[in-house]
Amino acid sequence: VANESVDWVKALLEFVKDTEETQLGASSSNVSVSLQTRKAQYRKFISPLMLASHNGNREIVELLLKKGYKIDEPSFHNRSCDCSECESFGKRLESSIYRLHSYRALASPVFLCMSYLLEISNESSDEEEDIRSSKDPIIRAFFLNRKLESLVKEEYEFKNEYKKLSDGCEEFAVSL
């Protein structure tokens, strides 16, 4: 992903798919442990979809989204939180860095547009959806902007980075 090689990403996704299918046939209990371990490791690092979004690589973002990868909005707990989720990150700085990487990816114009375009092509019903869960890039940019502005005040270690992301969301919404 870092080298923006679409062919390599496709090959690796096929390998992962084949490996998971093989493990599913062998023992379903091993798969759940494997998936839990992989999820715990990914939470501390940048996922391939995050990296592709940071780099603005439309092809790889589209490929990963079509394969079902997603970026969840990270939760925010106060600095003295002792819950199991916070303890799983270990140090407070690690969770802050993960949150920053997640919001960089979520605020990426490529991710905002591709997630919207792929969602529209996959829609099968005309149900009214909640505005907060909307995939519309302008609405999401406004909500992200508001969230990022609050993080400017909360996450003082990364105040400048969150401010840049907030400004980028504003510029993106205006440019659309």
C-alpha atoms as a PDB file:
ATOM      1  CA  VAL A   1       0.000   0.000   0.000  1.00  0.00           C
ATOM      2  CA  ALA A   2       2.822   2.388   0.870  1.00  0.00           C
ATOM      3  CA  ASN A   3       4.314   1.886  -2.597  1.00  0.00           C
ATOM      4  CA  GLU A   4       0.863   2.324  -4.181  1.00  0.00           C
ATOM      5  CA  SER A   5       1.103  -0.981  -6.043  1.00  0.00           C
ATOM      6  CA  VAL A   6      -2.470  -1.997  -6.858  1.00  0.00           C
ATOM      7  CA  ASP A   7      -1.408  -5.380  -8.262  1.00  0.00           C
ATOM      8  CA  TRP A   8       0.429  -6.305  -5.050  1.00  0.00           C
ATOM      9  CA  VAL A   9      -2.551  -5.294  -2.934  1.00  0.00           C
ATOM     10  CA  LYS A  10      -4.854  -7.443  -5.095  1.00  0.00           C
ATOM     11  CA  ALA A  11      -2.501 -10.417  -4.755  1.00  0.00           C
ATOM     12  CA  LEU A  12      -2.255 -10.002  -0.978  1.00  0.00           C
ATOM     13  CA  LEU A  13      -6.043  -9.746  -0.644  1.00  0.00           C
ATOM     14  CA  GLU A  14      -6.428 -12.996  -2.580  1.00  0.00           C
ATOM     15  CA  PHE A  15      -3.822 -14.625  -0.351  1.00  0.00           C
ATOM     16  CA  VAL A  16      -5.651 -13.484   2.802  1.00  0.00           C
ATOM     17  CA  LYS A  17      -8.939 -14.748   1.380  1.00  0.00           C
ATOM     18  CA  ASP A  18      -7.425 -18.147   0.544  1.00  0.00           C
ATOM     19  CA  THR A  19      -5.768 -18.395   3.968  1.00  0.00           C
ATOM     20  CA  GLU A  20      -9.008 -17.565   5.806  1.00  0.00           C
ATOM     21  CA  GLU A  21     -10.955 -20.105   3.730  1.00  0.00           C
ATOM     22  CA  THR A  22      -8.366 -22.778   4.506  1.00  0.00           C
ATOM     23  CA  GLN A  23      -8.515 -21.979   8.224  1.00  0.00           C
ATOM     24  CA  LEU A  24     -12.302 -21.993   8.170  1.00  0.00           C
ATOM     25  CA  GLY A  25     -12.269 -25.503   6.771  1.00  0.00           C
ATOM     26  CA  ALA A  26      -9.737 -26.684   9.335  1.00  0.00           C
ATOM     27  CA  SER A  27     -11.191 -25.302  12.553  1.00  0.00           C
ATOM     28  CA  SER A  28     -13.556 -22.443  13.182  1.00  0.00           C
ATOM     29  CA  SER A  29     -12.304 -21.908  16.748  1.00  0.00           C
ATOM     30  CA  ASN A  30      -8.766 -21.173  15.500  1.00  0.00           C
ATOM     31  CA  VAL A  31     -10.131 -18.559  13.106  1.00  0.00           C
ATOM     32  CA  SER A  32     -11.856 -16.546  15.802  1.00  0.00           C
ATOM     33  CA  VAL A  33      -8.682 -16.475  17.908  1.00  0.00           C
ATOM     34  CA  SER A  34      -6.668 -15.547  14.822  1.00  0.00           C
ATOM     35  CA  LEU A  35      -9.089 -12.781  13.873  1.00  0.00           C
ATOM     36  CA  GLN A  36      -9.155 -11.421  17.432  1.00  0.00           C
ATOM     37  CA  THR A  37      -5.358 -11.361  17.540  1.00  0.00           C
ATOM     38  CA  ARG A  38      -5.178  -9.648  14.149  1.00  0.00           C
ATOM     39  CA  LYS A  39      -7.777  -7.070  15.219  1.00  0.00           C
ATOM     40  CA  ALA A  40      -5.852  -6.291  18.407  1.00  0.00           C
ATOM     41  CA  GLN A  41      -2.631  -5.834  16.440  1.00  0.00           C
ATOM     42  CA  TYR A  42      -4.288  -3.648  13.801  1.00  0.00           C
ATOM     43  CA  ARG A  43      -5.700  -1.325  16.436  1.00  0.00           C
ATOM     44  CA  LYS A  44      -2.205  -0.227  17.353  1.00  0.00           C
ATOM     45  CA  PHE A  45      -1.088   0.463  13.803  1.00  0.00           C
ATOM     46  CA  ILE A  46      -2.271   1.969  10.553  1.00  0.00           C
ATOM     47  CA  SER A  47      -4.467  -0.393   8.575  1.00  0.00           C
ATOM     48  CA  PRO A  48      -3.927  -0.734   4.806  1.00  0.00           C
ATOM     49  CA  LEU A  49      -7.122   1.240   4.153  1.00  0.00           C
ATOM     50  CA  MET A  50      -5.921   4.040   6.418  1.00  0.00           C
ATOM     51  CA  LEU A  51      -2.569   4.151   4.635  1.00  0.00           C
ATOM     52  CA  ALA A  52      -4.171   4.198   1.193  1.00  0.00           C
ATOM     53  CA  SER A  53      -6.492   6.995   2.345  1.00  0.00           C
ATOM     54  CA  HIS A  54      -3.563   8.989   3.757  1.00  0.00           C
ATOM     55  CA  ASN A  55      -1.767   8.621   0.427  1.00  0.00           C
ATOM     56  CA  GLY A  56      -4.881   9.539  -1.559  1.00  0.00           C
ATOM     57  CA  ASN A  57      -4.692   6.353  -3.622  1.00  0.00           C
ATOM     58  CA  ARG A  58      -8.165   6.026  -5.143  1.00  0.00           C
ATOM     59  CA  GLU A  59      -7.641   2.586  -6.685  1.00  0.00           C
ATOM     60  CA  ILE A  60      -6.439   0.913  -3.501  1.00  0.00           C
ATOM     61  CA  VAL A  61      -9.096   2.634  -1.352  1.00  0.00           C
ATOM     62  CA  GLU A  62     -11.768   1.445  -3.781  1.00  0.00           C
ATOM     63  CA  LEU A  63     -10.365  -2.090  -3.832  1.00  0.00           C
ATOM     64  CA  LEU A  64     -10.214  -2.349  -0.034  1.00  0.00           C
ATOM     65  CA  LEU A  65     -13.697  -0.879   0.439  1.00  0.00           C
ATOM     66  CA  LYS A  66     -15.121  -3.339  -2.097  1.00  0.00           C
ATOM     67  CA  LYS A  67     -13.486  -6.182  -0.138  1.00  0.00           C
ATOM     68  CA  GLY A  68     -15.337  -5.056   2.989  1.00  0.00           C
ATOM     69  CA  TYR A  69     -12.589  -3.217   4.833  1.00  0.00           C
ATOM     70  CA  LYS A  70     -13.707  -0.179   6.781  1.00  0.00           C
ATOM     71  CA  ILE A  71     -12.475   2.489   9.130  1.00  0.00           C
ATOM     72  CA  ASP A  72     -14.443   2.827  12.329  1.00  0.00           C
ATOM     73  CA  GLU A  73     -14.553   6.156  14.060  1.00  0.00           C
ATOM     74  CA  PRO A  74     -12.382   5.723  17.157  1.00  0.00           C
ATOM     75  CA  SER A  75     -13.938   6.184  20.548  1.00  0.00           C
ATOM     76  CA  PHE A  76     -12.713   8.903  22.849  1.00  0.00           C
ATOM     77  CA  HIS A  77     -12.338   8.360  26.567  1.00  0.00           C
ATOM     78  CA  ASN A  78     -11.098  10.871  29.085  1.00  0.00           C
ATOM     79  CA  ARG A  79      -7.450  10.783  30.024  1.00  0.00           C
ATOM     80  CA  SER A  80      -7.958   8.930  33.314  1.00  0.00           C
ATOM     81  CA  CYS A  81     -10.110   6.130  31.878  1.00  0.00           C
ATOM     82  CA  ASP A  82      -9.244   2.601  33.067  1.00  0.00           C
ATOM     83  CA  CYS A  83     -11.659   0.606  30.883  1.00  0.00           C
ATOM     84  CA  SER A  84     -10.527  -2.561  29.085  1.00  0.00           C
ATOM     85  CA  GLU A  85     -10.430  -0.798  25.707  1.00  0.00           C
ATOM     86  CA  CYS A  86      -8.060   1.860  27.011  1.00  0.00           C
ATOM     87  CA  GLU A  87      -5.925  -0.746  28.760  1.00  0.00           C
ATOM     88  CA  SER A  88      -5.683  -2.768  25.519  1.00  0.00           C
ATOM     89  CA  PHE A  89      -3.842   0.156  23.919  1.00  0.00           C
ATOM     90  CA  GLY A  90      -1.387   0.254  26.746  1.00  0.00           C
ATOM     91  CA  LYS A  91      -0.020   3.732  26.796  1.00  0.00           C
ATOM     92  CA  ARG A  92      -2.184   6.807  26.349  1.00  0.00           C
ATOM     93  CA  LEU A  93       0.021   8.094  23.544  1.00  0.00           C
ATOM     94  CA  GLU A  94      -0.634   4.948  21.490  1.00  0.00           C
ATOM     95  CA  SER A  95      -4.393   5.470  21.591  1.00  0.00           C
ATOM     96  CA  SER A  96      -3.943   9.139  20.674  1.00  0.00           C
ATOM     97  CA  ILE A  97      -1.772   8.219  17.703  1.00  0.00           C
ATOM     98  CA  TYR A  98      -4.257   5.576  16.577  1.00  0.00           C
ATOM     99  CA  ARG A  99      -7.088   8.125  16.857  1.00  0.00           C
ATOM    100  CA  LEU A 100      -5.123  10.667  14.824  1.00  0.00           C
ATOM    101  CA  HIS A 101      -4.383   8.124  12.072  1.00  0.00           C
ATOM    102  CA  SER A 102      -8.034   7.099  11.999  1.00  0.00           C
ATOM    103  CA  TYR A 103      -9.267  10.662  11.627  1.00  0.00           C
ATOM    104  CA  ARG A 104      -6.651  11.427   8.981  1.00  0.00           C
ATOM    105  CA  ALA A 105      -8.043   8.552   6.954  1.00  0.00           C
ATOM    106  CA  LEU A 106     -11.696   9.378   7.646  1.00  0.00           C
ATOM    107  CA  ALA A 107     -11.129  13.004   6.616  1.00  0.00           C
ATOM    108  CA  SER A 108      -9.316  12.055   3.415  1.00  0.00           C
ATOM    109  CA  PRO A 109     -11.190  13.382   0.353  1.00  0.00           C
ATOM    110  CA  VAL A 110     -10.508  10.096  -1.434  1.00  0.00           C
ATOM    111  CA  PHE A 111     -12.029   8.057   1.407  1.00  0.00           C
ATOM    112  CA  LEU A 112     -15.018  10.385   1.781  1.00  0.00           C
ATOM    113  CA  CYS A 113     -15.823  10.196  -1.934  1.00  0.00           C
ATOM    114  CA  MET A 114     -15.110   6.497  -2.501  1.00  0.00           C
ATOM    115  CA  SER A 115     -17.064   5.331   0.536  1.00  0.00           C
ATOM    116  CA  TYR A 116     -20.013   7.406  -0.700  1.00  0.00           C
ATOM    117  CA  LEU A 117     -19.808   6.180  -4.303  1.00  0.00           C
ATOM    118  CA  LEU A 118     -19.520   2.541  -3.279  1.00  0.00           C
ATOM    119  CA  GLU A 119     -22.363   2.890  -0.758  1.00  0.00           C
ATOM    120  CA  ILE A 120     -24.651   4.398  -3.423  1.00  0.00           C
ATOM    121  CA  SER A 121     -23.877   1.560  -5.849  1.00  0.00           C
ATOM    122  CA  ASN A 122     -24.628  -1.049  -3.135  1.00  0.00           C
ATOM    123  CA  GLU A 123     -27.889   0.507  -1.880  1.00  0.00           C
ATOM    124  CA  SER A 124     -30.873  -1.749  -2.360  1.00  0.00           C
ATOM    125  CA  SER A 125     -33.572   0.151  -0.474  1.00  0.00           C
ATOM    126  CA  ASP A 126     -34.856   3.709  -0.414  1.00  0.00           C
ATOM    127  CA  GLU A 127     -35.221   3.878   3.369  1.00  0.00           C
ATOM    128  CA  GLU A 128     -34.647   7.209   5.040  1.00  0.00           C
ATOM    129  CA  GLU A 129     -31.343   7.013   6.896  1.00  0.00           C
ATOM    130  CA  ASP A 130     -30.172   8.879   9.944  1.00  0.00           C
ATOM    131  CA  ILE A 131     -28.213  11.975   8.956  1.00  0.00           C
ATOM    132  CA  ARG A 132     -25.353  11.059  11.326  1.00  0.00           C
ATOM    133  CA  SER A 133     -24.849   7.735   9.548  1.00  0.00           C
ATOM    134  CA  SER A 134     -25.054   9.334   6.123  1.00  0.00           C
ATOM    135  CA  LYS A 135     -22.293   8.477   3.680  1.00  0.00           C
ATOM    136  CA  ASP A 136     -22.841  11.780   1.842  1.00  0.00           C
ATOM    137  CA  PRO A 137     -19.367  13.341   1.696  1.00  0.00           C
ATOM    138  CA  ILE A 138     -20.541  16.890   2.430  1.00  0.00           C
ATOM    139  CA  ILE A 139     -22.561  15.869   5.488  1.00  0.00           C
ATOM    140  CA  ARG A 140     -19.734  13.649   6.709  1.00  0.00           C
ATOM    141  CA  ALA A 141     -17.235  16.476   6.196  1.00  0.00           C
ATOM    142  CA  PHE A 142     -19.389  18.759   8.374  1.00  0.00           C
ATOM    143  CA  PHE A 143     -19.700  16.158  11.141  1.00  0.00           C
ATOM    144  CA  LEU A 144     -15.995  15.344  10.951  1.00  0.00           C
ATOM    145  CA  ASN A 145     -15.165  19.041  11.080  1.00  0.00           C
ATOM    146  CA  ARG A 146     -17.183  19.438  14.269  1.00  0.00           C
ATOM    147  CA  LYS A 147     -15.564  16.355  15.832  1.00  0.00           C
ATOM    148  CA  LEU A 148     -12.085  17.486  14.810  1.00  0.00           C
ATOM    149  CA  GLU A 149     -12.683  20.939  16.300  1.00  0.00           C
ATOM    150  CA  SER A 150     -13.562  19.297  19.614  1.00  0.00           C
ATOM    151  CA  LEU A 151     -10.418  17.166  19.392  1.00  0.00           C
ATOM    152  CA  VAL A 152      -8.336  20.325  18.894  1.00  0.00           C
ATOM    153  CA  LYS A 153      -9.348  21.234  22.455  1.00  0.00           C
ATOM    154  CA  GLU A 154      -9.119  17.715  23.931  1.00  0.00           C
ATOM    155  CA  GLU A 155      -5.999  16.260  22.301  1.00  0.00           C
ATOM    156  CA  TYR A 156      -3.516  19.047  22.966  1.00  0.00           C
ATOM    157  CA  GLU A 157      -0.541  16.867  21.896  1.00  0.00           C
ATOM    158  CA  PHE A 158      -1.877  16.863  18.338  1.00  0.00           C
ATOM    159  CA  LYS A 159      -3.690  20.201  18.326  1.00  0.00           C
ATOM    160  CA  ASN A 160      -2.049  21.427  15.099  1.00  0.00           C
ATOM    161  CA  GLU A 161      -2.717  18.178  13.238  1.00  0.00           C
ATOM    162  CA  TYR A 162      -6.401  18.142  14.213  1.00  0.00           C
ATOM    163  CA  LYS A 163      -6.731  21.803  13.224  1.00  0.00           C
ATOM    164  CA  LYS A 164      -5.266  21.022   9.771  1.00  0.00           C
ATOM    165  CA  LEU A 165      -7.692  18.117   9.377  1.00  0.00           C
ATOM    166  CA  SER A 166     -10.596  20.328  10.426  1.00  0.00           C
ATOM    167  CA  ASP A 167      -9.584  23.009   7.941  1.00  0.00           C
ATOM    168  CA  GLY A 168      -9.220  20.328   5.261  1.00  0.00           C
ATOM    169  CA  CYS A 169     -12.786  19.128   5.901  1.00  0.00           C
ATOM    170  CA  GLU A 170     -14.057  22.689   5.501  1.00  0.00           C
ATOM    171  CA  GLU A 171     -12.130  23.143   2.249  1.00  0.00           C
ATOM    172  CA  PHE A 172     -13.362  19.791   0.947  1.00  0.00           C
ATOM    173  CA  ALA A 173     -17.020  20.621   1.660  1.00  0.00           C
ATOM    174  CA  VAL A 174     -16.681  24.039   0.028  1.00  0.00           C
ATOM    175  CA  SER A 175     -14.945  22.613  -3.034  1.00  0.00           C
ATOM    176  CA  LEU A 176     -17.772  20.120  -3.566  1.00  0.00           C
END
